[in-house]
Amino acid sequence: MTIDRDVQHWAEYFGEDPRLLQAIVQAEGNIVRAIQCSMPTVQ
């Protein structure tokens, strides 16, 4: 799996596994829309 540059950045910043964050992004399909389900102001 290729890790997106922005995913790598945020994973490193928060000390998370970039593979896990990338997998969540891919599983969601559209991470912005997924977050907007509970936080509509995220754009």
ModelCIF file with pLDDT and N, C-alpha, C, O atoms, coordinates in Angstrom:
data_MODEL
#
_entry.id   MODEL 
#
_entity.id                         1 
_entity.type                       polymer 
_entity.pdbx_number_of_molecules   1 
#
_entity_poly.entity_id                      1 
_entity_poly.type                           'polypeptide(L)' 
_entity_poly.nstd_linkage                   no 
_entity_poly.nstd_monomer                   no 
_entity_poly.pdbx_seq_one_letter_code       MTIDRDVQHWAEYFGEDPRLLQAIVQAEGNIVRAIQCSMPTVQ 
_entity_poly.pdbx_seq_one_letter_code_can   MTIDRDVQHWAEYFGEDPRLLQAIVQAEGNIVRAIQCSMPTVQ 
_entity_poly.pdbx_strand_id                 A 
#
loop_
_entity_poly_seq.entity_id 
_entity_poly_seq.num 
_entity_poly_seq.mon_id 
_entity_poly_seq.hetero 
1 1  MET n 
1 2  THR n 
1 3  ILE n 
1 4  ASP n 
1 5  ARG n 
1 6  ASP n 
1 7  VAL n 
1 8  GLN n 
1 9  HIS n 
1 10 TRP n 
1 11 ALA n 
1 12 GLU n 
1 13 TYR n 
1 14 PHE n 
1 15 GLY n 
1 16 GLU n 
1 17 ASP n 
1 18 PRO n 
1 19 ARG n 
1 20 LEU n 
1 21 LEU n 
1 22 GLN n 
1 23 ALA n 
1 24 ILE n 
1 25 VAL n 
1 26 GLN n 
1 27 ALA n 
1 28 GLU n 
1 29 GLY n 
1 30 ASN n 
1 31 ILE n 
1 32 VAL n 
1 33 ARG n 
1 34 ALA n 
1 35 ILE n 
1 36 GLN n 
1 37 CYS n 
1 38 SER n 
1 39 MET n 
1 40 PRO n 
1 41 THR n 
1 42 VAL n 
1 43 GLN n 
#
_struct_asym.id          A 
_struct_asym.entity_id   1 
#
loop_
_ma_qa_metric.id 
_ma_qa_metric.mode 
_ma_qa_metric.name 
_ma_qa_metric.software_group_id 
_ma_qa_metric.type 
1 global pLDDT . pLDDT 
2 local  pLDDT . pLDDT 
#
_ma_qa_metric_global.metric_id      1 
_ma_qa_metric_global.metric_value   95.91 
_ma_qa_metric_global.model_id       1 
_ma_qa_metric_global.ordinal_id     1 
#
loop_
_ma_qa_metric_local.label_asym_id 
_ma_qa_metric_local.label_comp_id 
_ma_qa_metric_local.label_seq_id 
_ma_qa_metric_local.metric_id 
_ma_qa_metric_local.metric_value 
_ma_qa_metric_local.model_id 
_ma_qa_metric_local.ordinal_id 
A MET 1  2 85.00 1 1  
A THR 2  2 94.00 1 2  
A ILE 3  2 97.00 1 3  
A ASP 4  2 98.00 1 4  
A ARG 5  2 98.00 1 5  
A ASP 6  2 98.00 1 6  
A VAL 7  2 98.00 1 7  
A GLN 8  2 98.00 1 8  
A HIS 9  2 98.00 1 9  
A TRP 10 2 98.00 1 10 
A ALA 11 2 98.00 1 11 
A GLU 12 2 98.00 1 12 
A TYR 13 2 98.00 1 13 
A PHE 14 2 97.00 1 14 
A GLY 15 2 96.00 1 15 
A GLU 16 2 95.00 1 16 
A ASP 17 2 95.00 1 17 
A PRO 18 2 97.00 1 18 
A ARG 19 2 96.00 1 19 
A LEU 20 2 96.00 1 20 
A LEU 21 2 97.00 1 21 
A GLN 22 2 97.00 1 22 
A ALA 23 2 97.00 1 23 
A ILE 24 2 97.00 1 24 
A VAL 25 2 97.00 1 25 
A GLN 26 2 96.00 1 26 
A ALA 27 2 95.00 1 27 
A GLU 28 2 95.00 1 28 
A GLY 29 2 93.00 1 29 
A ASN 30 2 95.00 1 30 
A ILE 31 2 97.00 1 31 
A VAL 32 2 97.00 1 32 
A ARG 33 2 95.00 1 33 
A ALA 34 2 94.00 1 34 
A ILE 35 2 96.00 1 35 
A GLN 36 2 95.00 1 36 
A CYS 37 2 91.00 1 37 
A SER 38 2 90.00 1 38 
A MET 39 2 95.00 1 39 
A PRO 40 2 96.00 1 40 
A THR 41 2 97.00 1 41 
A VAL 42 2 97.00 1 42 
A GLN 43 2 97.00 1 43 
#
loop_
_atom_site.group_PDB 
_atom_site.id 
_atom_site.type_symbol 
_atom_site.label_atom_id 
_atom_site.label_alt_id 
_atom_site.label_comp_id 
_atom_site.label_asym_id 
_atom_site.label_entity_id 
_atom_site.label_seq_id 
_atom_site.pdbx_PDB_ins_code 
_atom_site.Cartn_x 
_atom_site.Cartn_y 
_atom_site.Cartn_z 
_atom_site.occupancy 
_atom_site.B_iso_or_equiv 
_atom_site.pdbx_formal_charge 
_atom_site.auth_seq_id 
_atom_site.auth_comp_id 
_atom_site.auth_asym_id 
_atom_site.auth_atom_id 
_atom_site.pdbx_PDB_model_num 
ATOM 1   N N  . MET A 1 1  ? 0.851   -1.166 0.000  1.00 85.00 ? 1  MET A N  1 
ATOM 2   C CA . MET A 1 1  ? 0.000   0.000  0.000  1.00 85.00 ? 1  MET A CA 1 
ATOM 3   C C  . MET A 1 1  ? 0.900   1.234  0.000  1.00 85.00 ? 1  MET A C  1 
ATOM 4   O O  . MET A 1 1  ? 1.871   1.308  0.753  1.00 85.00 ? 1  MET A O  1 
ATOM 5   N N  . THR A 1 2  ? 0.569   2.183  -0.840 1.00 94.00 ? 2  THR A N  1 
ATOM 6   C CA . THR A 1 2  ? 1.282   3.455  -0.885 1.00 94.00 ? 2  THR A CA 1 
ATOM 7   C C  . THR A 1 2  ? 0.698   4.389  0.172  1.00 94.00 ? 2  THR A C  1 
ATOM 8   O O  . THR A 1 2  ? -0.520  4.525  0.292  1.00 94.00 ? 2  THR A O  1 
ATOM 9   N N  . ILE A 1 3  ? 1.566   5.018  0.923  1.00 97.00 ? 3  ILE A N  1 
ATOM 10  C CA . ILE A 1 3  ? 1.133   5.972  1.951  1.00 97.00 ? 3  ILE A CA 1 
ATOM 11  C C  . ILE A 1 3  ? 1.161   7.367  1.344  1.00 97.00 ? 3  ILE A C  1 
ATOM 12  O O  . ILE A 1 3  ? 2.205   7.828  0.882  1.00 97.00 ? 3  ILE A O  1 
ATOM 13  N N  . ASP A 1 4  ? 0.008   8.040  1.345  1.00 98.00 ? 4  ASP A N  1 
ATOM 14  C CA . ASP A 1 4  ? -0.054  9.410  0.843  1.00 98.00 ? 4  ASP A CA 1 
ATOM 15  C C  . ASP A 1 4  ? 0.797   10.331 1.709  1.00 98.00 ? 4  ASP A C  1 
ATOM 16  O O  . ASP A 1 4  ? 0.928   10.114 2.914  1.00 98.00 ? 4  ASP A O  1 
ATOM 17  N N  . ARG A 1 5  ? 1.372   11.352 1.095  1.00 98.00 ? 5  ARG A N  1 
ATOM 18  C CA . ARG A 1 5  ? 2.249   12.274 1.807  1.00 98.00 ? 5  ARG A CA 1 
ATOM 19  C C  . ARG A 1 5  ? 1.540   12.944 2.988  1.00 98.00 ? 5  ARG A C  1 
ATOM 20  O O  . ARG A 1 5  ? 2.116   13.064 4.069  1.00 98.00 ? 5  ARG A O  1 
ATOM 21  N N  . ASP A 1 6  ? 0.297   13.379 2.786  1.00 98.00 ? 6  ASP A N  1 
ATOM 22  C CA . ASP A 1 6  ? -0.425  14.042 3.881  1.00 98.00 ? 6  ASP A CA 1 
ATOM 23  C C  . ASP A 1 6  ? -0.768  13.048 4.994  1.00 98.00 ? 6  ASP A C  1 
ATOM 24  O O  . ASP A 1 6  ? -0.789  13.415 6.169  1.00 98.00 ? 6  ASP A O  1 
ATOM 25  N N  . VAL A 1 7  ? -1.029  11.822 4.635  1.00 98.00 ? 7  VAL A N  1 
ATOM 26  C CA . VAL A 1 7  ? -1.290  10.774 5.631  1.00 98.00 ? 7  VAL A CA 1 
ATOM 27  C C  . VAL A 1 7  ? -0.028  10.527 6.458  1.00 98.00 ? 7  VAL A C  1 
ATOM 28  O O  . VAL A 1 7  ? -0.090  10.442 7.684  1.00 98.00 ? 7  VAL A O  1 
ATOM 29  N N  . GLN A 1 8  ? 1.105   10.414 5.787  1.00 98.00 ? 8  GLN A N  1 
ATOM 30  C CA . GLN A 1 8  ? 2.383   10.225 6.484  1.00 98.00 ? 8  GLN A CA 1 
ATOM 31  C C  . GLN A 1 8  ? 2.636   11.368 7.463  1.00 98.00 ? 8  GLN A C  1 
ATOM 32  O O  . GLN A 1 8  ? 3.042   11.139 8.602  1.00 98.00 ? 8  GLN A O  1 
ATOM 33  N N  . HIS A 1 9  ? 2.396   12.595 7.014  1.00 98.00 ? 9  HIS A N  1 
ATOM 34  C CA . HIS A 1 9  ? 2.613   13.767 7.864  1.00 98.00 ? 9  HIS A CA 1 
ATOM 35  C C  . HIS A 1 9  ? 1.777   13.702 9.139  1.00 98.00 ? 9  HIS A C  1 
ATOM 36  O O  . HIS A 1 9  ? 2.311   13.842 10.239 1.00 98.00 ? 9  HIS A O  1 
ATOM 37  N N  . TRP A 1 10 ? 0.467   13.491 8.994  1.00 98.00 ? 10 TRP A N  1 
ATOM 38  C CA . TRP A 1 10 ? -0.412  13.498 10.163 1.00 98.00 ? 10 TRP A CA 1 
ATOM 39  C C  . TRP A 1 10 ? -0.151  12.296 11.064 1.00 98.00 ? 10 TRP A C  1 
ATOM 40  O O  . TRP A 1 10 ? -0.215  12.417 12.287 1.00 98.00 ? 10 TRP A O  1 
ATOM 41  N N  . ALA A 1 11 ? 0.137   11.154 10.484 1.00 98.00 ? 11 ALA A N  1 
ATOM 42  C CA . ALA A 1 11 ? 0.449   9.972  11.297 1.00 98.00 ? 11 ALA A CA 1 
ATOM 43  C C  . ALA A 1 11 ? 1.703   10.224 12.128 1.00 98.00 ? 11 ALA A C  1 
ATOM 44  O O  . ALA A 1 11 ? 1.721   9.931  13.324 1.00 98.00 ? 11 ALA A O  1 
ATOM 45  N N  . GLU A 1 12 ? 2.731   10.753 11.520 1.00 98.00 ? 12 GLU A N  1 
ATOM 46  C CA . GLU A 1 12 ? 3.965   11.054 12.257 1.00 98.00 ? 12 GLU A CA 1 
ATOM 47  C C  . GLU A 1 12 ? 3.718   12.115 13.332 1.00 98.00 ? 12 GLU A C  1 
ATOM 48  O O  . GLU A 1 12 ? 4.206   11.991 14.455 1.00 98.00 ? 12 GLU A O  1 
ATOM 49  N N  . TYR A 1 13 ? 2.972   13.138 12.990 1.00 98.00 ? 13 TYR A N  1 
ATOM 50  C CA . TYR A 1 13 ? 2.698   14.225 13.933 1.00 98.00 ? 13 TYR A CA 1 
ATOM 51  C C  . TYR A 1 13 ? 2.021   13.708 15.206 1.00 98.00 ? 13 TYR A C  1 
ATOM 52  O O  . TYR A 1 13 ? 2.338   14.151 16.310 1.00 98.00 ? 13 TYR A O  1 
ATOM 53  N N  . PHE A 1 14 ? 1.086   12.766 15.039 1.00 97.00 ? 14 PHE A N  1 
ATOM 54  C CA . PHE A 1 14 ? 0.340   12.232 16.175 1.00 97.00 ? 14 PHE A CA 1 
ATOM 55  C C  . PHE A 1 14 ? 0.899   10.914 16.704 1.00 97.00 ? 14 PHE A C  1 
ATOM 56  O O  . PHE A 1 14 ? 0.353   10.342 17.648 1.00 97.00 ? 14 PHE A O  1 
ATOM 57  N N  . GLY A 1 15 ? 1.979   10.433 16.104 1.00 96.00 ? 15 GLY A N  1 
ATOM 58  C CA . GLY A 1 15 ? 2.575   9.185  16.573 1.00 96.00 ? 15 GLY A CA 1 
ATOM 59  C C  . GLY A 1 15 ? 1.746   7.959  16.247 1.00 96.00 ? 15 GLY A C  1 
ATOM 60  O O  . GLY A 1 15 ? 1.760   6.980  16.992 1.00 96.00 ? 15 GLY A O  1 
ATOM 61  N N  . GLU A 1 16 ? 1.030   8.005  15.150 1.00 95.00 ? 16 GLU A N  1 
ATOM 62  C CA . GLU A 1 16 ? 0.191   6.882  14.732 1.00 95.00 ? 16 GLU A CA 1 
ATOM 63  C C  . GLU A 1 16 ? 0.872   6.112  13.598 1.00 95.00 ? 16 GLU A C  1 
ATOM 64  O O  . GLU A 1 16 ? 1.777   6.622  12.938 1.00 95.00 ? 16 GLU A O  1 
ATOM 65  N N  . ASP A 1 17 ? 0.426   4.896  13.393 1.00 95.00 ? 17 ASP A N  1 
ATOM 66  C CA . ASP A 1 17 ? 0.942   4.052  12.320 1.00 95.00 ? 17 ASP A CA 1 
ATOM 67  C C  . ASP A 1 17 ? 0.387   4.577  10.986 1.00 95.00 ? 17 ASP A C  1 
ATOM 68  O O  . ASP A 1 17 ? -0.829  4.586  10.794 1.00 95.00 ? 17 ASP A O  1 
ATOM 69  N N  . PRO A 1 18 ? 1.251   5.013  10.067 1.00 97.00 ? 18 PRO A N  1 
ATOM 70  C CA . PRO A 1 18 ? 0.762   5.527  8.792  1.00 97.00 ? 18 PRO A CA 1 
ATOM 71  C C  . PRO A 1 18 ? -0.037  4.504  7.996  1.00 97.00 ? 18 PRO A C  1 
ATOM 72  O O  . PRO A 1 18 ? -0.943  4.867  7.246  1.00 97.00 ? 18 PRO A O  1 
ATOM 73  N N  . ARG A 1 19 ? 0.303   3.203  8.160  1.00 96.00 ? 19 ARG A N  1 
ATOM 74  C CA . ARG A 1 19 ? -0.456  2.159  7.453  1.00 96.00 ? 19 ARG A CA 1 
ATOM 75  C C  . ARG A 1 19 ? -1.894  2.129  7.942  1.00 96.00 ? 19 ARG A C  1 
ATOM 76  O O  . ARG A 1 19 ? -2.822  1.958  7.152  1.00 96.00 ? 19 ARG A O  1 
ATOM 77  N N  . LEU A 1 20 ? -2.077  2.296  9.244  1.00 96.00 ? 20 LEU A N  1 
ATOM 78  C CA . LEU A 1 20 ? -3.430  2.292  9.799  1.00 96.00 ? 20 LEU A CA 1 
ATOM 79  C C  . LEU A 1 20 ? -4.218  3.501  9.310  1.00 96.00 ? 20 LEU A C  1 
ATOM 80  O O  . LEU A 1 20 ? -5.368  3.369  8.890  1.00 96.00 ? 20 LEU A O  1 
ATOM 81  N N  . LEU A 1 21 ? -3.603  4.673  9.363  1.00 97.00 ? 21 LEU A N  1 
ATOM 82  C CA . LEU A 1 21 ? -4.306  5.871  8.900  1.00 97.00 ? 21 LEU A CA 1 
ATOM 83  C C  . LEU A 1 21 ? -4.633  5.766  7.418  1.00 97.00 ? 21 LEU A C  1 
ATOM 84  O O  . LEU A 1 21 ? -5.742  6.114  7.011  1.00 97.00 ? 21 LEU A O  1 
ATOM 85  N N  . GLN A 1 22 ? -3.702  5.297  6.609  1.00 97.00 ? 22 GLN A N  1 
ATOM 86  C CA . GLN A 1 22 ? -3.958  5.137  5.173  1.00 97.00 ? 22 GLN A CA 1 
ATOM 87  C C  . GLN A 1 22 ? -5.074  4.124  4.939  1.00 97.00 ? 22 GLN A C  1 
ATOM 88  O O  . GLN A 1 22 ? -5.918  4.324  4.065  1.00 97.00 ? 22 GLN A O  1 
ATOM 89  N N  . ALA A 1 23 ? -5.086  3.054  5.702  1.00 97.00 ? 23 ALA A N  1 
ATOM 90  C CA . ALA A 1 23 ? -6.143  2.041  5.566  1.00 97.00 ? 23 ALA A CA 1 
ATOM 91  C C  . ALA A 1 23 ? -7.508  2.628  5.910  1.00 97.00 ? 23 ALA A C  1 
ATOM 92  O O  . ALA A 1 23 ? -8.497  2.339  5.236  1.00 97.00 ? 23 ALA A O  1 
ATOM 93  N N  . ILE A 1 24 ? -7.567  3.447  6.951  1.00 97.00 ? 24 ILE A N  1 
ATOM 94  C CA . ILE A 1 24 ? -8.836  4.093  7.312  1.00 97.00 ? 24 ILE A CA 1 
ATOM 95  C C  . ILE A 1 24 ? -9.289  5.006  6.184  1.00 97.00 ? 24 ILE A C  1 
ATOM 96  O O  . ILE A 1 24 ? -10.461 4.998  5.807  1.00 97.00 ? 24 ILE A O  1 
ATOM 97  N N  . VAL A 1 25 ? -8.368  5.791  5.645  1.00 97.00 ? 25 VAL A N  1 
ATOM 98  C CA . VAL A 1 25 ? -8.699  6.694  4.534  1.00 97.00 ? 25 VAL A CA 1 
ATOM 99  C C  . VAL A 1 25 ? -9.243  5.895  3.351  1.00 97.00 ? 25 VAL A C  1 
ATOM 100 O O  . VAL A 1 25 ? -10.257 6.267  2.760  1.00 97.00 ? 25 VAL A O  1 
ATOM 101 N N  . GLN A 1 26 ? -8.581  4.816  3.012  1.00 96.00 ? 26 GLN A N  1 
ATOM 102 C CA . GLN A 1 26 ? -9.031  3.999  1.884  1.00 96.00 ? 26 GLN A CA 1 
ATOM 103 C C  . GLN A 1 26 ? -10.355 3.301  2.177  1.00 96.00 ? 26 GLN A C  1 
ATOM 104 O O  . GLN A 1 26 ? -11.216 3.226  1.300  1.00 96.00 ? 26 GLN A O  1 
ATOM 105 N N  . ALA A 1 27 ? -10.531 2.793  3.383  1.00 95.00 ? 27 ALA A N  1 
ATOM 106 C CA . ALA A 1 27 ? -11.785 2.109  3.734  1.00 95.00 ? 27 ALA A CA 1 
ATOM 107 C C  . ALA A 1 27 ? -12.961 3.069  3.694  1.00 95.00 ? 27 ALA A C  1 
ATOM 108 O O  . ALA A 1 27 ? -14.071 2.682  3.328  1.00 95.00 ? 27 ALA A O  1 
ATOM 109 N N  . GLU A 1 28 ? -12.723 4.312  4.066  1.00 95.00 ? 28 GLU A N  1 
ATOM 110 C CA . GLU A 1 28 ? -13.805 5.295  4.076  1.00 95.00 ? 28 GLU A CA 1 
ATOM 111 C C  . GLU A 1 28 ? -14.154 5.778  2.667  1.00 95.00 ? 28 GLU A C  1 
ATOM 112 O O  . GLU A 1 28 ? -15.286 6.193  2.419  1.00 95.00 ? 28 GLU A O  1 
ATOM 113 N N  . GLY A 1 29 ? -13.210 5.728  1.765  1.00 93.00 ? 29 GLY A N  1 
ATOM 114 C CA . GLY A 1 29 ? -13.474 6.203  0.409  1.00 93.00 ? 29 GLY A CA 1 
ATOM 115 C C  . GLY A 1 29 ? -13.319 7.709  0.298  1.00 93.00 ? 29 GLY A C  1 
ATOM 116 O O  . GLY A 1 29 ? -12.530 8.193  -0.514 1.00 93.00 ? 29 GLY A O  1 
ATOM 117 N N  . ASN A 1 30 ? -14.052 8.447  1.093  1.00 95.00 ? 30 ASN A N  1 
ATOM 118 C CA . ASN A 1 30 ? -13.951 9.910  1.136  1.00 95.00 ? 30 ASN A CA 1 
ATOM 119 C C  . ASN A 1 30 ? -13.861 10.299 2.602  1.00 95.00 ? 30 ASN A C  1 
ATOM 120 O O  . ASN A 1 30 ? -14.879 10.396 3.287  1.00 95.00 ? 30 ASN A O  1 
ATOM 121 N N  . ILE A 1 31 ? -12.657 10.519 3.078  1.00 97.00 ? 31 ILE A N  1 
ATOM 122 C CA . ILE A 1 31 ? -12.442 10.778 4.507  1.00 97.00 ? 31 ILE A CA 1 
ATOM 123 C C  . ILE A 1 31 ? -13.115 12.060 4.959  1.00 97.00 ? 31 ILE A C  1 
ATOM 124 O O  . ILE A 1 31 ? -13.550 12.148 6.107  1.00 97.00 ? 31 ILE A O  1 
ATOM 125 N N  . VAL A 1 32 ? -13.214 13.054 4.091  1.00 97.00 ? 32 VAL A N  1 
ATOM 126 C CA . VAL A 1 32 ? -13.885 14.303 4.476  1.00 97.00 ? 32 VAL A CA 1 
ATOM 127 C C  . VAL A 1 32 ? -15.363 14.039 4.731  1.00 97.00 ? 32 VAL A C  1 
ATOM 128 O O  . VAL A 1 32 ? -15.902 14.470 5.751  1.00 97.00 ? 32 VAL A O  1 
ATOM 129 N N  . ARG A 1 33 ? -16.019 13.342 3.822  1.00 95.00 ? 33 ARG A N  1 
ATOM 130 C CA . ARG A 1 33 ? -17.439 13.016 4.030  1.00 95.00 ? 33 ARG A CA 1 
ATOM 131 C C  . ARG A 1 33 ? -17.644 12.140 5.253  1.00 95.00 ? 33 ARG A C  1 
ATOM 132 O O  . ARG A 1 33 ? -18.635 12.297 5.966  1.00 95.00 ? 33 ARG A O  1 
ATOM 133 N N  . ALA A 1 34 ? -16.730 11.227 5.505  1.00 94.00 ? 34 ALA A N  1 
ATOM 134 C CA . ALA A 1 34 ? -16.836 10.363 6.685  1.00 94.00 ? 34 ALA A CA 1 
ATOM 135 C C  . ALA A 1 34 ? -16.790 11.194 7.962  1.00 94.00 ? 34 ALA A C  1 
ATOM 136 O O  . ALA A 1 34 ? -17.578 10.965 8.880  1.00 94.00 ? 34 ALA A O  1 
ATOM 137 N N  . ILE A 1 35 ? -15.886 12.142 8.026  1.00 96.00 ? 35 ILE A N  1 
ATOM 138 C CA . ILE A 1 35 ? -15.773 13.001 9.203  1.00 96.00 ? 35 ILE A CA 1 
ATOM 139 C C  . ILE A 1 35 ? -16.981 13.918 9.310  1.00 96.00 ? 35 ILE A C  1 
ATOM 140 O O  . ILE A 1 35 ? -17.451 14.207 10.410 1.00 96.00 ? 35 ILE A O  1 
ATOM 141 N N  . GLN A 1 36 ? -17.477 14.371 8.183  1.00 95.00 ? 36 GLN A N  1 
ATOM 142 C CA . GLN A 1 36 ? -18.634 15.274 8.202  1.00 95.00 ? 36 GLN A CA 1 
ATOM 143 C C  . GLN A 1 36 ? -19.890 14.631 8.779  1.00 95.00 ? 36 GLN A C  1 
ATOM 144 O O  . GLN A 1 36 ? -20.823 15.345 9.146  1.00 95.00 ? 36 GLN A O  1 
ATOM 145 N N  . CYS A 1 37 ? -19.940 13.314 8.868  1.00 91.00 ? 37 CYS A N  1 
ATOM 146 C CA . CYS A 1 37 ? -21.096 12.653 9.492  1.00 91.00 ? 37 CYS A CA 1 
ATOM 147 C C  . CYS A 1 37 ? -21.252 13.092 10.945 1.00 91.00 ? 37 CYS A C  1 
ATOM 148 O O  . CYS A 1 37 ? -22.369 13.204 11.450 1.00 91.00 ? 37 CYS A O  1 
ATOM 149 N N  . SER A 1 38 ? -20.129 13.338 11.611 1.00 90.00 ? 38 SER A N  1 
ATOM 150 C CA . SER A 1 38 ? -20.210 13.773 13.008 1.00 90.00 ? 38 SER A CA 1 
ATOM 151 C C  . SER A 1 38 ? -19.711 15.201 13.211 1.00 90.00 ? 38 SER A C  1 
ATOM 152 O O  . SER A 1 38 ? -19.994 15.824 14.235 1.00 90.00 ? 38 SER A O  1 
ATOM 153 N N  . MET A 1 39 ? -18.976 15.712 12.241 1.00 95.00 ? 39 MET A N  1 
ATOM 154 C CA . MET A 1 39 ? -18.438 17.070 12.341 1.00 95.00 ? 39 MET A CA 1 
ATOM 155 C C  . MET A 1 39 ? -18.660 17.785 11.002 1.00 95.00 ? 39 MET A C  1 
ATOM 156 O O  . MET A 1 39 ? -17.740 17.874 10.190 1.00 95.00 ? 39 MET A O  1 
ATOM 157 N N  . PRO A 1 40 ? -19.867 18.290 10.771 1.00 96.00 ? 40 PRO A N  1 
ATOM 158 C CA . PRO A 1 40 ? -20.209 18.866 9.463  1.00 96.00 ? 40 PRO A CA 1 
ATOM 159 C C  . PRO A 1 40 ? -19.355 20.061 9.038  1.00 96.00 ? 40 PRO A C  1 
ATOM 160 O O  . PRO A 1 40 ? -19.304 20.388 7.852  1.00 96.00 ? 40 PRO A O  1 
ATOM 161 N N  . THR A 1 41 ? -18.691 20.710 9.981  1.00 97.00 ? 41 THR A N  1 
ATOM 162 C CA . THR A 1 41 ? -17.898 21.886 9.630  1.00 97.00 ? 41 THR A CA 1 
ATOM 163 C C  . THR A 1 41 ? -16.540 21.549 9.016  1.00 97.00 ? 41 THR A C  1 
ATOM 164 O O  . THR A 1 41 ? -15.876 22.432 8.474  1.00 97.00 ? 41 THR A O  1 
ATOM 165 N N  . VAL A 1 42 ? -16.122 20.297 9.091  1.00 97.00 ? 42 VAL A N  1 
ATOM 166 C CA . VAL A 1 42 ? -14.842 19.900 8.496  1.00 97.00 ? 42 VAL A CA 1 
ATOM 167 C C  . VAL A 1 42 ? -14.991 19.937 6.977  1.00 97.00 ? 42 VAL A C  1 
ATOM 168 O O  . VAL A 1 42 ? -15.861 19.276 6.409  1.00 97.00 ? 42 VAL A O  1 
ATOM 169 N N  . GLN A 1 43 ? -14.127 20.721 6.328  1.00 97.00 ? 43 GLN A N  1 
ATOM 170 C CA . GLN A 1 43 ? -14.253 20.924 4.888  1.00 97.00 ? 43 GLN A CA 1 
ATOM 171 C C  . GLN A 1 43 ? -13.046 20.462 4.086  1.00 97.00 ? 43 GLN A C  1 
ATOM 172 O O  . GLN A 1 43 ? -13.036 20.581 2.861  1.00 97.00 ? 43 GLN A O  1 
#
